[in-house]
Amino acid sequence: MAGHSTIRRTGDLRDGAPLCEVLLWNALRHGRLRCLTFWREHPVAGHYADFACPELRLVIEVQGARPRHADEIVRDDWRAEALEAAGWQVIRFTSAQVMEDLGAVLAAIEAEARIIRGVTIPPAESVALLAAHAPA
């Protein structure tokens, strides 16, 4: 069970989320993507994942719009390695990818889920519909 400081920290992270994360969250929440359950700003292996699907042990990270410094790239790579060492798959998208082609981002997430599950999820015919019907 999460402690009060963890709950407070995840709430703070959610409150300051950029628009790209809000858009992606609206498309993922409540099982909207093939009934998969995602958590937002979820603690995973000592880190806070932008989005996590515990069932698949899948972490989705969204990189900000501003250029990253070398130390941020090293930190992100180290973090991804730590998550993968703990048994989680990590996929990353840029904020531009989310903002400009949410449907392609959702298709990529679903494709990764199919790989993790051994292709037991039927191909997405509704990903474009999902993106088109995501709340504004």
N, C-alpha and C. Protein backbone atom coordinates (compact mmCIF):
# COMPACT_ATOMS: atom_id res chain seq x y z
N MET A 1 0.84 -1.18 0.00
CA MET A 1 0.00 0.00 0.00
C MET A 1 0.89 1.24 0.00
N ALA A 2 0.50 2.23 -0.75
CA ALA A 2 1.29 3.45 -0.88
C ALA A 2 1.17 4.30 0.37
N GLY A 3 2.30 4.90 0.77
CA GLY A 3 2.29 5.78 1.92
C GLY A 3 1.80 7.16 1.55
N HIS A 4 1.57 7.99 2.57
CA HIS A 4 1.05 9.34 2.33
C HIS A 4 2.01 10.17 1.49
N SER A 5 3.31 10.04 1.69
CA SER A 5 4.25 10.84 0.92
C SER A 5 4.24 10.43 -0.56
N THR A 6 4.06 9.13 -0.84
CA THR A 6 3.98 8.67 -2.23
C THR A 6 2.72 9.20 -2.89
N ILE A 7 1.61 9.13 -2.19
CA ILE A 7 0.34 9.62 -2.73
C ILE A 7 0.43 11.12 -2.98
N ARG A 8 1.01 11.86 -2.06
CA ARG A 8 1.16 13.30 -2.22
C ARG A 8 2.06 13.62 -3.42
N ARG A 9 3.16 12.87 -3.57
CA ARG A 9 4.11 13.08 -4.67
C ARG A 9 3.45 12.80 -6.02
N THR A 10 2.71 11.71 -6.13
CA THR A 10 2.06 11.41 -7.41
C THR A 10 1.01 12.46 -7.74
N GLY A 11 0.31 12.95 -6.74
CA GLY A 11 -0.66 14.03 -6.96
C GLY A 11 0.00 15.29 -7.46
N ASP A 12 1.14 15.64 -6.88
CA ASP A 12 1.89 16.82 -7.32
C ASP A 12 2.35 16.66 -8.77
N LEU A 13 2.81 15.48 -9.13
CA LEU A 13 3.26 15.24 -10.50
C LEU A 13 2.09 15.36 -11.47
N ARG A 14 0.94 14.83 -11.11
CA ARG A 14 -0.23 14.91 -11.98
C ARG A 14 -0.70 16.35 -12.16
N ASP A 15 -0.68 17.12 -11.09
CA ASP A 15 -1.16 18.50 -11.15
C ASP A 15 -0.35 19.35 -12.11
N GLY A 16 0.93 19.06 -12.26
CA GLY A 16 1.78 19.86 -13.13
C GLY A 16 2.02 19.22 -14.49
N ALA A 17 1.17 18.28 -14.90
CA ALA A 17 1.40 17.53 -16.13
C ALA A 17 1.21 18.41 -17.36
N PRO A 18 2.09 18.24 -18.34
CA PRO A 18 1.93 18.97 -19.60
C PRO A 18 0.75 18.42 -20.40
N LEU A 19 0.28 19.21 -21.36
CA LEU A 19 -0.89 18.86 -22.16
C LEU A 19 -0.73 17.51 -22.86
N CYS A 20 0.47 17.22 -23.37
CA CYS A 20 0.67 15.94 -24.07
C CYS A 20 0.38 14.76 -23.15
N GLU A 21 0.78 14.85 -21.87
CA GLU A 21 0.51 13.76 -20.93
C GLU A 21 -0.98 13.67 -20.62
N VAL A 22 -1.65 14.80 -20.52
CA VAL A 22 -3.09 14.80 -20.26
C VAL A 22 -3.83 14.14 -21.42
N LEU A 23 -3.44 14.48 -22.65
CA LEU A 23 -4.08 13.87 -23.82
C LEU A 23 -3.87 12.36 -23.86
N LEU A 24 -2.64 11.94 -23.61
CA LEU A 24 -2.36 10.50 -23.61
C LEU A 24 -3.11 9.80 -22.49
N TRP A 25 -3.14 10.43 -21.31
CA TRP A 25 -3.86 9.84 -20.18
C TRP A 25 -5.34 9.68 -20.51
N ASN A 26 -5.95 10.67 -21.16
CA ASN A 26 -7.36 10.57 -21.51
C ASN A 26 -7.63 9.41 -22.46
N ALA A 27 -6.64 9.06 -23.28
CA ALA A 27 -6.79 7.94 -24.21
C ALA A 27 -6.54 6.59 -23.54
N LEU A 28 -5.75 6.58 -22.46
CA LEU A 28 -5.38 5.32 -21.80
C LEU A 28 -6.27 4.97 -20.61
N ARG A 29 -6.78 5.95 -19.92
CA ARG A 29 -7.46 5.69 -18.65
C ARG A 29 -8.75 4.89 -18.81
N HIS A 30 -9.15 4.29 -17.75
CA HIS A 30 -10.38 3.51 -17.67
C HIS A 30 -10.43 2.38 -18.70
N GLY A 31 -9.28 1.80 -19.04
CA GLY A 31 -9.25 0.66 -19.95
C GLY A 31 -9.63 0.99 -21.38
N ARG A 32 -9.48 2.24 -21.79
CA ARG A 32 -9.89 2.64 -23.14
C ARG A 32 -9.04 2.02 -24.23
N LEU A 33 -7.86 1.58 -23.91
CA LEU A 33 -7.01 0.92 -24.91
C LEU A 33 -7.03 -0.58 -24.63
N ARG A 34 -7.90 -1.28 -25.33
CA ARG A 34 -8.00 -2.74 -25.23
C ARG A 34 -8.15 -3.24 -23.79
N CYS A 35 -8.88 -2.48 -22.99
CA CYS A 35 -9.18 -2.86 -21.61
C CYS A 35 -7.92 -3.01 -20.74
N LEU A 36 -6.83 -2.40 -21.14
CA LEU A 36 -5.61 -2.43 -20.33
C LEU A 36 -5.71 -1.37 -19.24
N THR A 37 -5.26 -1.70 -18.05
CA THR A 37 -5.30 -0.76 -16.94
C THR A 37 -3.95 -0.06 -16.83
N PHE A 38 -3.98 1.25 -16.98
CA PHE A 38 -2.78 2.06 -16.83
C PHE A 38 -2.92 2.94 -15.59
N TRP A 39 -1.79 3.20 -14.95
CA TRP A 39 -1.72 4.11 -13.82
C TRP A 39 -0.85 5.29 -14.24
N ARG A 40 -1.19 6.45 -13.75
CA ARG A 40 -0.45 7.66 -14.09
C ARG A 40 0.45 8.06 -12.93
N GLU A 41 1.69 8.47 -13.25
CA GLU A 41 2.69 8.84 -12.24
C GLU A 41 2.77 7.75 -11.17
N HIS A 42 3.00 6.55 -11.64
CA HIS A 42 2.96 5.37 -10.79
C HIS A 42 4.38 5.01 -10.33
N PRO A 43 4.56 4.77 -9.03
CA PRO A 43 5.90 4.37 -8.56
C PRO A 43 6.24 2.95 -9.04
N VAL A 44 7.39 2.85 -9.73
CA VAL A 44 7.86 1.58 -10.27
C VAL A 44 9.35 1.49 -10.00
N ALA A 45 9.77 0.48 -9.27
CA ALA A 45 11.19 0.21 -9.03
C ALA A 45 11.94 1.45 -8.56
N GLY A 46 11.34 2.20 -7.65
CA GLY A 46 12.01 3.37 -7.08
C GLY A 46 11.94 4.62 -7.94
N HIS A 47 11.16 4.61 -9.02
CA HIS A 47 11.01 5.75 -9.92
C HIS A 47 9.53 6.00 -10.13
N TYR A 48 9.19 7.19 -10.63
CA TYR A 48 7.81 7.49 -10.99
C TYR A 48 7.67 7.42 -12.50
N ALA A 49 6.90 6.44 -12.98
CA ALA A 49 6.66 6.30 -14.40
C ALA A 49 5.54 7.23 -14.82
N ASP A 50 5.68 7.85 -16.00
CA ASP A 50 4.59 8.70 -16.49
C ASP A 50 3.30 7.88 -16.55
N PHE A 51 3.39 6.68 -17.14
CA PHE A 51 2.25 5.77 -17.22
C PHE A 51 2.79 4.36 -17.04
N ALA A 52 2.03 3.52 -16.33
CA ALA A 52 2.46 2.14 -16.12
C ALA A 52 1.25 1.22 -16.22
N CYS A 53 1.47 0.09 -16.86
CA CYS A 53 0.47 -0.98 -16.93
C CYS A 53 1.06 -2.16 -16.17
N PRO A 54 0.70 -2.30 -14.88
CA PRO A 54 1.27 -3.39 -14.08
C PRO A 54 1.01 -4.77 -14.65
N GLU A 55 -0.14 -4.98 -15.25
CA GLU A 55 -0.48 -6.29 -15.82
C GLU A 55 0.56 -6.74 -16.85
N LEU A 56 1.03 -5.79 -17.66
CA LEU A 56 2.01 -6.11 -18.69
C LEU A 56 3.44 -5.76 -18.29
N ARG A 57 3.57 -5.10 -17.14
CA ARG A 57 4.88 -4.59 -16.70
C ARG A 57 5.46 -3.69 -17.80
N LEU A 58 4.60 -2.75 -18.24
CA LEU A 58 4.93 -1.83 -19.32
C LEU A 58 4.91 -0.40 -18.79
N VAL A 59 6.00 0.32 -19.04
CA VAL A 59 6.11 1.73 -18.66
C VAL A 59 6.14 2.56 -19.92
N ILE A 60 5.36 3.64 -19.92
CA ILE A 60 5.36 4.58 -21.04
C ILE A 60 5.86 5.91 -20.52
N GLU A 61 6.88 6.44 -21.17
CA GLU A 61 7.46 7.73 -20.80
C GLU A 61 7.24 8.72 -21.94
N VAL A 62 6.91 9.96 -21.58
CA VAL A 62 6.74 11.02 -22.57
C VAL A 62 7.81 12.08 -22.29
N GLN A 63 8.65 12.33 -23.30
CA GLN A 63 9.72 13.32 -23.17
C GLN A 63 9.15 14.70 -23.43
N GLY A 64 9.60 15.67 -22.68
CA GLY A 64 9.12 17.04 -22.82
C GLY A 64 9.47 17.67 -24.15
N ALA A 65 8.90 18.85 -24.38
CA ALA A 65 9.08 19.55 -25.65
C ALA A 65 10.45 20.21 -25.77
N ARG A 66 11.02 20.59 -24.66
CA ARG A 66 12.30 21.31 -24.72
C ARG A 66 13.44 20.33 -24.98
N PRO A 67 14.50 20.81 -25.61
CA PRO A 67 15.66 19.93 -25.84
C PRO A 67 16.24 19.44 -24.51
N ARG A 68 16.67 18.20 -24.48
CA ARG A 68 17.21 17.63 -23.25
C ARG A 68 18.72 17.84 -23.21
N HIS A 69 19.21 18.07 -22.02
CA HIS A 69 20.65 18.20 -21.80
C HIS A 69 21.25 16.80 -21.70
N ALA A 70 22.55 16.72 -21.89
CA ALA A 70 23.25 15.43 -21.85
C ALA A 70 23.02 14.70 -20.53
N ASP A 71 23.02 15.45 -19.41
CA ASP A 71 22.81 14.78 -18.12
C ASP A 71 21.40 14.22 -17.99
N GLU A 72 20.41 14.86 -18.62
CA GLU A 72 19.05 14.34 -18.59
C GLU A 72 18.94 13.06 -19.42
N ILE A 73 19.63 13.03 -20.53
CA ILE A 73 19.63 11.83 -21.39
C ILE A 73 20.27 10.66 -20.64
N VAL A 74 21.39 10.92 -19.99
CA VAL A 74 22.06 9.87 -19.21
C VAL A 74 21.15 9.38 -18.08
N ARG A 75 20.51 10.32 -17.39
CA ARG A 75 19.61 9.96 -16.29
C ARG A 75 18.43 9.13 -16.80
N ASP A 76 17.84 9.54 -17.93
CA ASP A 76 16.71 8.80 -18.49
C ASP A 76 17.13 7.40 -18.93
N ASP A 77 18.31 7.29 -19.53
CA ASP A 77 18.80 5.98 -19.95
C ASP A 77 19.06 5.09 -18.74
N TRP A 78 19.66 5.65 -17.68
CA TRP A 78 19.92 4.90 -16.46
C TRP A 78 18.61 4.43 -15.83
N ARG A 79 17.63 5.32 -15.83
CA ARG A 79 16.33 4.98 -15.27
C ARG A 79 15.66 3.86 -16.06
N ALA A 80 15.72 3.94 -17.39
CA ALA A 80 15.14 2.89 -18.23
C ALA A 80 15.84 1.56 -17.97
N GLU A 81 17.15 1.58 -17.81
CA GLU A 81 17.89 0.36 -17.51
C GLU A 81 17.47 -0.22 -16.15
N ALA A 82 17.26 0.65 -15.17
CA ALA A 82 16.83 0.19 -13.85
C ALA A 82 15.44 -0.43 -13.92
N LEU A 83 14.54 0.18 -14.67
CA LEU A 83 13.19 -0.36 -14.82
C LEU A 83 13.22 -1.70 -15.56
N GLU A 84 14.04 -1.77 -16.60
CA GLU A 84 14.15 -3.03 -17.35
C GLU A 84 14.79 -4.12 -16.50
N ALA A 85 15.75 -3.76 -15.67
CA ALA A 85 16.37 -4.74 -14.77
C ALA A 85 15.35 -5.27 -13.76
N ALA A 86 14.34 -4.45 -13.45
CA ALA A 86 13.29 -4.87 -12.53
C ALA A 86 12.16 -5.62 -13.25
N GLY A 87 12.35 -5.86 -14.56
CA GLY A 87 11.38 -6.65 -15.29
C GLY A 87 10.31 -5.86 -16.03
N TRP A 88 10.50 -4.57 -16.22
CA TRP A 88 9.53 -3.73 -16.91
C TRP A 88 10.04 -3.39 -18.31
N GLN A 89 9.14 -3.34 -19.27
CA GLN A 89 9.46 -2.84 -20.61
C GLN A 89 9.22 -1.33 -20.59
N VAL A 90 10.08 -0.59 -21.28
CA VAL A 90 9.95 0.87 -21.32
C VAL A 90 9.87 1.32 -22.76
N ILE A 91 8.82 2.10 -23.08
CA ILE A 91 8.75 2.73 -24.39
C ILE A 91 8.60 4.22 -24.18
N ARG A 92 9.24 4.97 -25.08
CA ARG A 92 9.25 6.43 -24.95
C ARG A 92 8.66 7.08 -26.20
N PHE A 93 8.01 8.20 -25.95
CA PHE A 93 7.48 9.03 -27.02
C PHE A 93 7.86 10.47 -26.71
N THR A 94 7.97 11.27 -27.74
CA THR A 94 8.18 12.71 -27.52
C THR A 94 6.82 13.37 -27.37
N SER A 95 6.83 14.54 -26.78
CA SER A 95 5.57 15.28 -26.65
C SER A 95 5.02 15.60 -28.04
N ALA A 96 5.92 15.86 -29.01
CA ALA A 96 5.47 16.16 -30.37
C ALA A 96 4.73 14.96 -30.98
N GLN A 97 5.23 13.75 -30.75
CA GLN A 97 4.56 12.57 -31.27
C GLN A 97 3.15 12.45 -30.70
N VAL A 98 3.01 12.68 -29.41
CA VAL A 98 1.70 12.58 -28.77
C VAL A 98 0.77 13.66 -29.30
N MET A 99 1.27 14.88 -29.41
CA MET A 99 0.43 16.00 -29.84
C MET A 99 0.05 15.91 -31.32
N GLU A 100 0.98 15.44 -32.15
CA GLU A 100 0.75 15.46 -33.59
C GLU A 100 0.09 14.20 -34.14
N ASP A 101 0.28 13.06 -33.48
CA ASP A 101 -0.28 11.81 -34.00
C ASP A 101 -0.59 10.84 -32.86
N LEU A 102 -1.57 11.18 -32.06
CA LEU A 102 -1.95 10.35 -30.93
C LEU A 102 -2.34 8.95 -31.37
N GLY A 103 -2.98 8.83 -32.51
CA GLY A 103 -3.38 7.52 -33.02
C GLY A 103 -2.19 6.60 -33.24
N ALA A 104 -1.10 7.14 -33.78
CA ALA A 104 0.10 6.33 -34.01
C ALA A 104 0.74 5.94 -32.68
N VAL A 105 0.71 6.83 -31.70
CA VAL A 105 1.25 6.52 -30.37
C VAL A 105 0.44 5.38 -29.74
N LEU A 106 -0.88 5.47 -29.82
CA LEU A 106 -1.72 4.41 -29.27
C LEU A 106 -1.50 3.09 -30.00
N ALA A 107 -1.32 3.15 -31.31
CA ALA A 107 -1.05 1.93 -32.08
C ALA A 107 0.28 1.31 -31.65
N ALA A 108 1.28 2.14 -31.40
CA ALA A 108 2.58 1.63 -30.96
C ALA A 108 2.48 0.99 -29.57
N ILE A 109 1.71 1.61 -28.69
CA ILE A 109 1.51 1.04 -27.35
C ILE A 109 0.79 -0.30 -27.46
N GLU A 110 -0.23 -0.33 -28.29
CA GLU A 110 -0.97 -1.58 -28.46
C GLU A 110 -0.09 -2.66 -29.09
N ALA A 111 0.75 -2.29 -30.05
CA ALA A 111 1.66 -3.25 -30.66
C ALA A 111 2.62 -3.83 -29.62
N GLU A 112 3.13 -2.97 -28.74
CA GLU A 112 4.02 -3.44 -27.67
C GLU A 112 3.26 -4.38 -26.73
N ALA A 113 2.03 -4.04 -26.42
CA ALA A 113 1.21 -4.90 -25.56
C ALA A 113 0.98 -6.25 -26.21
N ARG A 114 0.76 -6.25 -27.52
CA ARG A 114 0.57 -7.52 -28.24
C ARG A 114 1.83 -8.36 -28.18
N ILE A 115 2.98 -7.74 -28.32
CA ILE A 115 4.25 -8.46 -28.25
C ILE A 115 4.43 -9.07 -26.85
N ILE A 116 4.19 -8.26 -25.82
CA ILE A 116 4.35 -8.74 -24.44
C ILE A 116 3.40 -9.90 -24.16
N ARG A 117 2.20 -9.79 -24.66
CA ARG A 117 1.20 -10.84 -24.42
C ARG A 117 1.31 -12.01 -25.39
N GLY A 118 2.24 -11.95 -26.30
CA GLY A 118 2.36 -13.03 -27.28
C GLY A 118 1.29 -12.96 -28.35
N VAL A 119 0.92 -11.75 -28.74
CA VAL A 119 -0.04 -11.47 -29.80
C VAL A 119 -1.41 -12.08 -29.50
N THR A 120 -1.85 -11.95 -28.27
CA THR A 120 -3.18 -12.45 -27.91
C THR A 120 -4.24 -11.35 -28.01
N ILE A 121 -3.81 -10.10 -28.17
CA ILE A 121 -4.77 -9.01 -28.33
C ILE A 121 -5.04 -8.88 -29.82
N PRO A 122 -6.31 -8.86 -30.24
CA PRO A 122 -6.60 -8.71 -31.67
C PRO A 122 -6.06 -7.38 -32.19
N PRO A 123 -5.72 -7.32 -33.48
CA PRO A 123 -5.23 -6.06 -34.05
C PRO A 123 -6.25 -4.94 -33.83
N ALA A 124 -5.73 -3.75 -33.66
CA ALA A 124 -6.60 -2.61 -33.37
C ALA A 124 -7.19 -2.04 -34.64
N GLU A 125 -8.48 -2.21 -34.79
CA GLU A 125 -9.17 -1.51 -35.88
C GLU A 125 -9.75 -0.22 -35.33
N SER A 126 -9.80 -0.14 -34.00
CA SER A 126 -10.46 1.00 -33.40
C SER A 126 -9.50 2.04 -32.84
N VAL A 127 -8.19 1.91 -33.08
CA VAL A 127 -7.26 2.88 -32.51
C VAL A 127 -7.55 4.27 -33.05
N ALA A 128 -7.81 4.39 -34.35
CA ALA A 128 -8.11 5.70 -34.93
C ALA A 128 -9.41 6.24 -34.34
N LEU A 129 -10.40 5.37 -34.14
CA LEU A 129 -11.64 5.81 -33.52
C LEU A 129 -11.42 6.26 -32.09
N LEU A 130 -10.57 5.52 -31.37
CA LEU A 130 -10.24 5.90 -30.00
C LEU A 130 -9.66 7.30 -29.97
N ALA A 131 -8.70 7.57 -30.85
CA ALA A 131 -8.05 8.87 -30.88
C ALA A 131 -9.05 9.96 -31.27
N ALA A 132 -9.93 9.63 -32.21
CA ALA A 132 -10.91 10.61 -32.67
C ALA A 132 -11.94 10.93 -31.59
N HIS A 133 -12.19 9.97 -30.71
CA HIS A 133 -13.21 10.17 -29.68
C HIS A 133 -12.64 10.51 -28.32
N ALA A 134 -11.34 10.72 -28.25
CA ALA A 134 -10.73 11.10 -26.97
C ALA A 134 -11.27 12.47 -26.57
N PRO A 135 -11.53 12.64 -25.27
CA PRO A 135 -12.05 13.93 -24.81
C PRO A 135 -11.11 15.07 -25.18
N ALA A 136 -11.71 16.19 -25.53
CA ALA A 136 -10.91 17.37 -25.92
C ALA A 136 -10.30 18.05 -24.74
